């Protein structure tokens, strides 16, 4: 795109788009005008942004040349580790590949039936009772806060029942996620604030609480080497996944426990993505009451007694898929490119080091691949419909595709089914000020 100024590059346009909550939509506009791969400048620093499926295929699959950015604020906050740079989300190399291979057994589609068996009675029992008690009080429900507790409580079904209460997990996760995306100019003032001290204590305590639970489970597994890990025991799988760097030699117990702490904190943060996705779905449905009515009618009519019954929620799945397209919880990705080889795919990069950005939101709003992309239209997801490769990536794709996508779909459907069967929903906000998603991009 044409520069706004010699010294500012495209920063004025970017800042205006941020102020108007159109930051990612600016990139949708740019790729429509200037092509699917563009060069833009923040000040004098160049960046590449791509919405080209062929280029994304290379970026997503060639892990030797395209590396995850280790300095993102969810890794550590002012030097205080949150998930670190070696978790199942942030890691790389052979150790990460060994860990991922082990965890793929837990998150496999055929293991979801085992998880369903423990999650369903929990949602229909203790957690549903919590919702009913809240509503008896006659207060308006803040949906995100309460769904955060619901999805955090699912962790108790997956081997973390001795960890923090669901309320505490949800509260601490929300506080961490509130601190992570602060713009750079806010981070400096944050650095000398009491909020920073409180946040450091919160993160340290959360990691310490996790460490105690993990160490206890590690010792149980070590003392019973012939006892298989239960299929729904995510914590047990994480311990096994972190025992080795190469699938052969074992790590020291202290190293294993610290690594599993990184992964447990990662899972807590990732669960919030499911919460945001359900909230986004309900927000979109609020604007199309006929679609909302149809989805809720299906949820109320279909009994859910076993995992396979969730597959019968055809229209609900269409609505979830469309909300994942319209408002994905994962908005963007960033990779560092460091390589002497200049050519990949049809492109040439004339530098040995550059940061490459892409966005699930931009890809999924590109009119080149999606007709009427700003319309919430579940009917586009007809049987047999397959999106253009790498144009639909709500769970990312390639070698770093989300391991937990089947679990996410199962839990979202289960939660919606139970809530729809037990409650009606009414909006409590000003209908003259429609809801919208805030889309930011900190890197």
Protein backbone atom coordinates (compact mmCIF):
# COMPACT_ATOMS: atom_id res chain seq x y z
CA UNK A 1 0.00 0.00 0.00
CA UNK A 2 1.16 3.61 -0.50
CA UNK A 3 3.08 4.98 2.47
CA UNK A 4 1.34 7.49 4.72
CA UNK A 5 4.66 9.19 5.36
CA UNK A 6 8.35 8.59 4.80
CA UNK A 7 9.12 8.21 8.49
CA UNK A 8 5.85 6.74 9.76
CA UNK A 9 5.31 4.21 7.01
CA UNK A 10 1.76 2.86 7.30
CA UNK A 11 1.52 3.50 11.04
CA UNK A 12 -1.02 6.38 10.78
CA UNK A 13 -3.44 4.17 8.81
CA UNK A 14 -2.90 1.32 11.23
CA UNK A 15 -3.49 3.52 14.29
CA UNK A 16 -6.67 4.99 12.82
CA UNK A 17 -7.98 1.51 12.01
CA UNK A 18 -7.25 0.42 15.60
CA UNK A 19 -9.15 3.42 16.97
CA UNK A 20 -12.13 2.54 14.74
CA UNK A 21 -11.96 -1.18 15.68
CA UNK A 22 -11.16 -1.94 12.03
CA UNK A 23 -7.57 -3.07 12.39
CA UNK A 24 -7.93 -6.49 10.76
CA UNK A 25 -10.55 -5.14 8.34
CA UNK A 26 -7.85 -2.74 7.11
CA UNK A 27 -5.85 -5.75 5.99
CA UNK A 28 -8.95 -7.20 4.32
CA UNK A 29 -9.17 -3.94 2.36
CA UNK A 30 -5.46 -3.91 1.55
CA UNK A 31 -5.31 -7.44 0.16
CA UNK A 32 -8.34 -6.63 -1.99
CA UNK A 33 -6.56 -3.61 -3.44
CA UNK A 34 -2.90 -4.65 -3.55
CA UNK A 35 -2.80 -8.45 -3.66
CA UNK A 36 -2.77 -11.36 -1.25
CA UNK A 37 0.79 -10.74 -0.04
CA UNK A 38 1.81 -7.22 0.89
CA UNK A 39 4.72 -5.35 2.43
CA UNK A 40 3.88 -2.74 5.07
CA UNK A 41 5.94 -0.55 7.36
CA UNK A 42 5.56 0.47 10.99
CA UNK A 43 7.97 3.37 11.09
CA UNK A 44 10.98 2.17 9.15
CA UNK A 45 10.51 -1.50 10.04
CA UNK A 46 9.20 -3.74 7.23
CA UNK A 47 6.67 -6.54 7.74
CA UNK A 48 5.11 -9.02 5.37
CA UNK A 49 1.41 -9.84 5.60
CA UNK A 50 0.04 -12.73 3.59
CA UNK A 51 -3.41 -14.01 2.79
CA UNK A 52 -2.17 -16.26 0.01
CA UNK A 53 -3.12 -19.93 0.54
CA UNK A 54 0.01 -21.17 -1.25
CA UNK A 55 2.28 -19.07 0.93
CA UNK A 56 0.37 -20.04 4.08
CA UNK A 57 0.84 -23.69 3.18
CA UNK A 58 4.61 -23.17 3.21
CA UNK A 59 4.56 -21.08 6.40
CA UNK A 60 2.39 -23.69 8.15
CA UNK A 61 4.34 -26.77 7.13
CA UNK A 62 7.99 -25.71 6.84
CA UNK A 63 8.94 -25.52 10.52
CA UNK A 64 12.65 -25.42 9.70
CA UNK A 65 12.45 -21.97 8.10
CA UNK A 66 9.43 -20.38 9.79
CA UNK A 67 9.76 -20.16 13.56
CA UNK A 68 7.28 -19.11 16.24
CA UNK A 69 8.02 -15.78 17.86
CA UNK A 70 9.44 -16.37 21.34
CA UNK A 71 8.95 -12.79 22.58
CA UNK A 72 5.15 -12.73 22.57
CA UNK A 73 3.73 -11.57 25.93
CA UNK A 74 1.87 -14.81 26.69
CA UNK A 75 5.29 -16.50 27.02
CA UNK A 76 6.36 -14.21 29.86
CA UNK A 77 5.27 -10.88 31.29
CA UNK A 78 8.23 -8.61 31.98
CA UNK A 79 10.46 -11.64 32.43
CA UNK A 80 8.00 -13.54 34.64
CA UNK A 81 7.15 -16.84 32.95
CA UNK A 82 3.51 -17.56 32.08
CA UNK A 83 3.58 -20.44 29.57
CA UNK A 84 7.25 -20.10 28.62
CA UNK A 85 8.77 -20.88 25.23
CA UNK A 86 8.74 -24.69 25.46
CA UNK A 87 5.06 -25.52 26.07
CA UNK A 88 2.90 -27.62 23.79
CA UNK A 89 1.75 -24.33 22.23
CA UNK A 90 4.96 -22.32 22.13
CA UNK A 91 7.68 -24.96 21.77
CA UNK A 92 9.51 -26.34 18.76
CA UNK A 93 12.09 -28.88 17.68
CA UNK A 94 12.32 -32.60 18.46
CA UNK A 95 11.16 -32.33 22.07
CA UNK A 96 8.02 -30.46 21.02
CA UNK A 97 7.36 -33.04 18.28
CA UNK A 98 7.67 -35.92 20.79
CA UNK A 99 5.33 -34.14 23.20
CA UNK A 100 2.80 -33.41 20.48
CA UNK A 101 2.81 -37.01 19.26
CA UNK A 102 2.08 -38.26 22.77
CA UNK A 103 -0.72 -35.72 23.38
CA UNK A 104 -2.33 -36.47 20.00
CA UNK A 105 -3.50 -39.78 21.52
CA UNK A 106 -5.38 -37.94 24.27
CA UNK A 107 -6.96 -35.41 21.89
CA UNK A 108 -7.75 -37.96 19.17
CA UNK A 109 -11.33 -37.96 17.91
CA UNK A 110 -11.86 -41.56 19.02
CA UNK A 111 -10.95 -40.59 22.62
CA UNK A 112 -13.67 -37.95 22.83
CA UNK A 113 -16.23 -40.58 23.86
CA UNK A 114 -14.22 -41.19 27.04
CA UNK A 115 -14.06 -37.47 27.80
CA UNK A 116 -17.77 -37.09 27.06
CA UNK A 117 -18.59 -39.76 29.67
CA UNK A 118 -17.11 -37.61 32.44
CA UNK A 119 -17.94 -34.13 31.11
CA UNK A 120 -21.67 -34.72 30.46
CA UNK A 121 -22.67 -35.74 34.02
CA UNK A 122 -20.55 -32.90 35.38
CA UNK A 123 -22.28 -30.29 33.18
CA UNK A 124 -25.76 -31.70 33.83
CA UNK A 125 -25.10 -32.02 37.55
CA UNK A 126 -22.94 -29.75 39.62
CA UNK A 127 -22.40 -27.03 37.03
CA UNK A 128 -26.03 -26.84 35.93
CA UNK A 129 -27.01 -26.50 39.59
CA UNK A 130 -24.62 -23.56 39.86
CA UNK A 131 -26.32 -21.86 36.87
CA UNK A 132 -29.79 -22.45 38.37
CA UNK A 133 -28.76 -20.98 41.72
CA UNK A 134 -27.42 -17.89 39.97
CA UNK A 135 -30.63 -17.39 38.02
CA UNK A 136 -32.80 -17.89 41.11
CA UNK A 137 -31.21 -14.75 42.51
CA UNK A 138 -32.80 -12.81 39.65
CA UNK A 139 -29.59 -11.17 38.51
CA UNK A 140 -28.51 -10.66 34.93
CA UNK A 141 -25.84 -13.21 34.02
CA UNK A 142 -22.55 -11.92 32.65
CA UNK A 143 -22.22 -14.70 30.11
CA UNK A 144 -18.46 -14.67 29.59
CA UNK A 145 -17.70 -14.82 33.33
CA UNK A 146 -20.08 -17.74 33.94
CA UNK A 147 -19.02 -19.67 30.85
CA UNK A 148 -15.41 -19.21 31.97
CA UNK A 149 -16.26 -21.02 35.20
CA UNK A 150 -18.06 -23.78 33.26
CA UNK A 151 -15.17 -24.43 30.89
CA UNK A 152 -12.61 -24.16 33.71
CA UNK A 153 -14.61 -26.75 35.66
CA UNK A 154 -14.22 -29.22 32.76
CA UNK A 155 -10.52 -29.34 33.69
CA UNK A 156 -11.57 -31.08 36.92
CA UNK A 157 -12.89 -33.91 34.74
CA UNK A 158 -9.53 -34.27 32.99
CA UNK A 159 -7.21 -35.10 35.87
CA UNK A 160 -6.97 -31.62 37.42
CA UNK A 161 -9.61 -32.08 40.11
CA UNK A 162 -7.02 -31.26 42.81
CA UNK A 163 -6.02 -28.00 41.12
CA UNK A 164 -7.69 -24.67 41.88
CA UNK A 165 -11.47 -24.29 42.03
CA UNK A 166 -13.14 -23.47 38.70
CA UNK A 167 -13.92 -19.97 39.99
CA UNK A 168 -10.26 -19.38 40.81
CA UNK A 169 -9.03 -20.76 37.47
CA UNK A 170 -11.48 -18.55 35.58
CA UNK A 171 -10.63 -15.46 37.64
CA UNK A 172 -6.86 -15.88 37.39
CA UNK A 173 -7.01 -16.69 33.70
CA UNK A 174 -9.10 -13.57 33.05
CA UNK A 175 -6.59 -11.42 34.94
CA UNK A 176 -3.65 -12.85 33.00
CA UNK A 177 -5.41 -12.42 29.66
CA UNK A 178 -6.29 -8.83 30.57
CA UNK A 179 -2.63 -8.02 31.22
CA UNK A 180 -1.11 -9.79 28.20
CA UNK A 181 -2.45 -7.65 25.31
CA UNK A 182 -1.60 -4.20 26.71
CA UNK A 183 -0.14 -1.92 24.00
CA UNK A 184 3.53 -1.07 24.41
CA UNK A 185 2.93 2.46 25.72
CA UNK A 186 0.62 1.04 28.41
CA UNK A 187 3.14 -1.62 29.37
CA UNK A 188 5.66 0.99 30.53
CA UNK A 189 3.19 2.52 32.99
CA UNK A 190 2.06 -0.99 33.93
CA UNK A 191 5.67 -1.87 34.76
CA UNK A 192 5.73 0.53 37.74
CA UNK A 193 2.14 -0.02 38.87
CA UNK A 194 0.70 -1.98 41.77
CA UNK A 195 -1.20 -4.02 39.16
CA UNK A 196 2.10 -5.45 37.96
CA UNK A 197 3.07 -6.57 41.48
CA UNK A 198 -0.35 -8.15 41.98
CA UNK A 199 -0.10 -9.91 38.60
CA UNK A 200 3.34 -11.32 39.36
CA UNK A 201 2.06 -12.74 42.64
CA UNK A 202 -1.00 -14.20 40.87
CA UNK A 203 1.08 -15.92 38.17
CA UNK A 204 3.62 -17.20 40.69
CA UNK A 205 0.90 -18.60 42.95
CA UNK A 206 -0.96 -20.20 40.04
CA UNK A 207 2.22 -21.93 38.87
CA UNK A 208 3.04 -23.00 42.42
CA UNK A 209 -0.45 -24.48 42.93
CA UNK A 210 -0.13 -26.36 39.65
CA UNK A 211 3.32 -27.62 40.59
CA UNK A 212 2.06 -29.26 43.78
CA UNK A 213 -0.72 -31.13 41.96
CA UNK A 214 1.60 -32.21 39.15
CA UNK A 215 4.33 -33.44 41.50
CA UNK A 216 1.81 -35.56 43.39
CA UNK A 217 0.50 -37.13 40.16
CA UNK A 218 4.06 -37.63 38.87
CA UNK A 219 4.95 -39.62 41.98
CA UNK A 220 1.76 -41.72 41.64
CA UNK A 221 2.67 -42.61 38.05
CA UNK A 222 6.32 -43.32 38.93
CA UNK A 223 5.32 -45.60 41.81
CA UNK A 224 2.92 -47.56 39.58
CA UNK A 225 4.79 -47.92 36.25
CA UNK A 226 2.65 -50.84 35.05
CA UNK A 227 -0.65 -49.02 35.57
CA UNK A 228 -1.95 -47.47 32.31
CA UNK A 229 -2.90 -43.79 32.20
CA UNK A 230 -6.72 -43.44 32.14
CA UNK A 231 -7.97 -42.18 28.78
CA UNK A 232 -9.54 -39.07 30.33
CA UNK A 233 -6.48 -38.18 32.45
CA UNK A 234 -5.01 -35.23 30.56
CA UNK A 235 -2.59 -34.49 33.39
CA UNK A 236 -1.24 -38.03 33.23
CA UNK A 237 -0.74 -37.73 29.47
CA UNK A 238 1.06 -34.38 29.89
CA UNK A 239 3.45 -35.95 32.41
CA UNK A 240 4.21 -38.83 30.06
CA UNK A 241 4.61 -36.41 27.14
CA UNK A 242 7.24 -34.38 29.00
CA UNK A 243 9.34 -37.27 30.30
CA UNK A 244 11.63 -37.34 27.27
CA UNK A 245 13.27 -34.93 24.83
CA UNK A 246 13.74 -37.53 22.12
CA UNK A 247 11.42 -40.42 23.00
CA UNK A 248 14.32 -42.35 24.58
CA UNK A 249 16.31 -40.73 27.38
CA UNK A 250 14.31 -39.54 30.40
CA UNK A 251 14.38 -36.05 31.88
CA UNK A 252 14.91 -35.24 35.54
CA UNK A 253 11.67 -35.11 37.60
CA UNK A 254 12.10 -31.39 38.39
CA UNK A 255 12.38 -30.59 34.68
CA UNK A 256 9.31 -32.70 33.86
CA UNK A 257 7.19 -31.03 36.53
CA UNK A 258 8.22 -27.51 35.44
CA UNK A 259 7.43 -28.36 31.81
CA UNK A 260 4.01 -29.73 32.72
CA UNK A 261 3.30 -26.53 34.67
CA UNK A 262 3.87 -24.61 31.40
CA UNK A 263 1.42 -26.91 29.64
CA UNK A 264 -1.26 -26.73 32.35
CA UNK A 265 -1.17 -22.90 32.32
CA UNK A 266 -1.36 -23.08 28.52
CA UNK A 267 -4.49 -25.27 28.71
CA UNK A 268 -6.12 -22.84 31.16
CA UNK A 269 -5.55 -19.95 28.75
CA UNK A 270 -6.69 -21.96 25.73
CA UNK A 271 -9.96 -22.95 27.42
CA UNK A 272 -10.85 -19.26 27.35
CA UNK A 273 -10.83 -19.44 23.54
CA UNK A 274 -13.82 -21.80 23.72
CA UNK A 275 -15.58 -19.36 26.04
CA UNK A 276 -14.99 -16.46 23.67
CA UNK A 277 -16.21 -18.57 20.75
CA UNK A 278 -19.51 -19.45 22.42
CA UNK A 279 -19.98 -15.79 23.34
CA UNK A 280 -19.23 -14.72 19.76
CA UNK A 281 -21.76 -17.27 18.44
CA UNK A 282 -24.50 -15.96 20.73
CA UNK A 283 -23.66 -12.40 19.77
CA UNK A 284 -24.01 -13.19 16.06
CA UNK A 285 -27.26 -15.06 16.69
CA UNK A 286 -28.69 -12.03 18.49
CA UNK A 287 -28.73 -10.18 15.15
CA UNK A 288 -30.52 -13.01 13.32
CA UNK A 289 -33.34 -14.21 15.63
CA UNK A 290 -34.73 -16.66 13.10
CA UNK A 291 -31.38 -18.51 13.01
CA UNK A 292 -31.10 -18.38 16.79
CA UNK A 293 -34.59 -19.82 17.16
CA UNK A 294 -33.82 -22.63 14.73
CA UNK A 295 -30.57 -23.57 16.47
CA UNK A 296 -32.13 -23.51 19.95
CA UNK A 297 -35.08 -25.58 18.73
CA UNK A 298 -32.67 -28.25 17.54
CA UNK A 299 -30.69 -28.17 20.79
CA UNK A 300 -33.88 -28.59 22.85
CA UNK A 301 -35.35 -31.33 20.68
CA UNK A 302 -32.28 -33.58 20.40
CA UNK A 303 -31.58 -35.82 23.43
CA UNK A 304 -27.88 -36.11 24.19
CA UNK A 305 -27.20 -39.44 25.86
CA UNK A 306 -23.94 -40.42 24.24
CA UNK A 307 -21.14 -38.80 22.27
CA UNK A 308 -22.62 -39.82 18.92
CA UNK A 309 -25.77 -37.80 19.66
CA UNK A 310 -23.75 -34.59 19.39
CA UNK A 311 -23.18 -35.43 15.71
CA UNK A 312 -26.93 -35.15 15.18
CA UNK A 313 -26.80 -31.42 15.97
CA UNK A 314 -26.30 -30.62 12.29
CA UNK A 315 -27.65 -27.07 12.31
CA UNK A 316 -25.87 -26.20 15.56
CA UNK A 317 -22.61 -27.36 14.03
CA UNK A 318 -23.23 -25.14 11.00
CA UNK A 319 -23.76 -22.18 13.32
CA UNK A 320 -20.57 -22.94 15.26
CA UNK A 321 -18.56 -23.30 12.04
CA UNK A 322 -19.91 -19.99 10.79
CA UNK A 323 -19.13 -18.23 14.07
CA UNK A 324 -15.60 -19.65 13.86
CA UNK A 325 -15.36 -18.05 10.42
CA UNK A 326 -16.91 -14.70 11.34
CA UNK A 327 -15.28 -14.20 14.74
CA UNK A 328 -12.46 -16.67 15.36
CA UNK A 329 -10.94 -16.60 18.84
CA UNK A 330 -7.56 -16.99 17.16
CA UNK A 331 -7.20 -13.82 15.10
CA UNK A 332 -3.67 -13.90 13.79
CA UNK A 333 -0.32 -15.61 13.64
CA UNK A 334 3.27 -14.46 13.38
CA UNK A 335 6.39 -16.24 12.20
CA UNK A 336 10.04 -15.27 12.01
CA UNK A 337 11.67 -16.17 8.71
CA UNK A 338 15.42 -16.72 8.96
CA UNK A 339 17.03 -18.51 6.05
CA UNK A 340 19.60 -17.98 3.32
CA UNK A 341 17.22 -19.58 0.83
CA UNK A 342 15.30 -16.65 -0.66
CA UNK A 343 12.65 -18.47 -2.65
CA UNK A 344 9.66 -20.36 -1.33
CA UNK A 345 6.58 -21.04 -3.40
CA UNK A 346 6.19 -18.27 -5.98
CA UNK A 347 7.79 -15.66 -3.68
CA UNK A 348 11.26 -14.25 -3.11
CA UNK A 349 12.25 -12.60 0.18
CA UNK A 350 15.27 -10.33 -0.26
CA UNK A 351 16.41 -10.46 3.35
CA UNK A 352 17.66 -13.11 5.70
CA UNK A 353 15.31 -12.17 8.52
CA UNK A 354 11.78 -10.82 8.43
CA UNK A 355 8.58 -11.17 10.44
CA UNK A 356 5.64 -12.61 8.51
CA UNK A 357 2.07 -12.01 9.68
CA UNK A 358 -1.14 -13.74 8.70
CA UNK A 359 -4.66 -13.64 10.07
CA UNK A 360 -7.38 -16.24 10.33
CA UNK A 361 -9.89 -13.39 10.46
CA UNK A 362 -8.60 -11.83 7.24
CA UNK A 363 -8.48 -15.15 5.40
CA UNK A 364 -12.03 -15.93 6.49
CA UNK A 365 -13.33 -12.52 5.37
CA UNK A 366 -11.59 -12.53 2.01
CA UNK A 367 -14.29 -12.16 -0.70
CA UNK A 368 -11.96 -14.05 -3.04
CA UNK A 369 -12.82 -17.23 -1.11
CA UNK A 370 -16.10 -16.37 0.62
CA UNK A 371 -19.28 -14.98 -0.91
CA UNK A 372 -20.85 -12.19 1.14
CA UNK A 373 -18.21 -12.67 3.89
CA UNK A 374 -19.75 -10.18 6.34
CA UNK A 375 -23.04 -12.09 6.48
CA UNK A 376 -23.60 -14.70 9.18
CA UNK A 377 -24.82 -17.54 7.00
CA UNK A 378 -24.82 -21.09 8.45
CA UNK A 379 -26.33 -22.42 5.22
CA UNK A 380 -23.02 -22.01 3.42
CA UNK A 381 -21.89 -25.11 5.38
CA UNK A 382 -23.87 -27.60 3.33
CA UNK A 383 -22.82 -31.27 3.23
CA UNK A 384 -19.92 -31.64 0.84
CA UNK A 385 -18.83 -28.01 1.09
CA UNK A 386 -15.05 -27.80 1.44
CA UNK A 387 -13.44 -24.35 1.80
CA UNK A 388 -10.44 -23.38 -0.30
CA UNK A 389 -7.35 -24.88 1.34
CA UNK A 390 -5.87 -22.55 3.99
CA UNK A 391 -8.76 -20.08 3.65
CA UNK A 392 -10.49 -21.43 6.79
CA UNK A 393 -8.20 -21.89 9.77
CA UNK A 394 -10.06 -21.28 13.05
CA UNK A 395 -7.95 -24.01 14.67
CA UNK A 396 -4.94 -23.15 12.54
CA UNK A 397 -3.62 -25.93 10.30
CA UNK A 398 -0.52 -27.79 9.21
CA UNK A 399 2.07 -29.15 11.64
CA UNK A 400 0.89 -26.72 14.35
CA UNK A 401 -2.82 -27.29 13.92
CA UNK A 402 -4.77 -27.27 17.18
CA UNK A 403 -4.65 -30.68 18.88
CA UNK A 404 -7.74 -29.88 20.93
CA UNK A 405 -10.15 -29.00 18.12
CA UNK A 406 -12.28 -32.14 18.58
CA UNK A 407 -12.49 -31.53 22.32
CA UNK A 408 -13.42 -27.89 21.70
CA UNK A 409 -16.29 -28.82 19.38
CA UNK A 410 -17.51 -31.49 21.80
CA UNK A 411 -17.49 -29.17 24.82
CA UNK A 412 -19.11 -26.27 22.97
CA UNK A 413 -21.95 -28.46 21.68
CA UNK A 414 -22.45 -30.11 25.08
CA UNK A 415 -22.53 -26.78 26.91
CA UNK A 416 -24.96 -25.21 24.44
CA UNK A 417 -27.21 -28.27 24.59
CA UNK A 418 -27.49 -28.26 28.39
CA UNK A 419 -28.03 -24.50 28.65
CA UNK A 420 -30.62 -24.45 25.84
CA UNK A 421 -32.62 -27.27 27.44
CA UNK A 422 -32.79 -25.50 30.79
CA UNK A 423 -32.94 -21.77 30.11
CA UNK A 424 -34.29 -19.01 27.90
CA UNK A 425 -32.02 -16.09 27.02
CA UNK A 426 -32.91 -12.42 26.89
CA UNK A 427 -30.63 -9.54 26.02
CA UNK A 428 -29.94 -6.99 28.72
CA UNK A 429 -27.92 -4.47 26.71
CA UNK A 430 -29.09 -1.39 24.82
CA UNK A 431 -30.41 -2.65 21.48
CA UNK A 432 -29.59 0.77 20.00
CA UNK A 433 -25.92 -0.01 20.57
CA UNK A 434 -25.39 -3.41 18.95
CA UNK A 435 -22.64 -5.67 20.21
CA UNK A 436 -19.42 -5.99 18.24
CA UNK A 437 -16.18 -7.87 18.62
CA UNK A 438 -13.07 -5.95 19.58
CA UNK A 439 -10.25 -7.10 17.31
CA UNK A 440 -6.72 -6.27 18.43
CA UNK A 441 -3.35 -7.50 17.31
CA UNK A 442 -0.46 -7.29 19.75
CA UNK A 443 2.85 -8.84 18.79
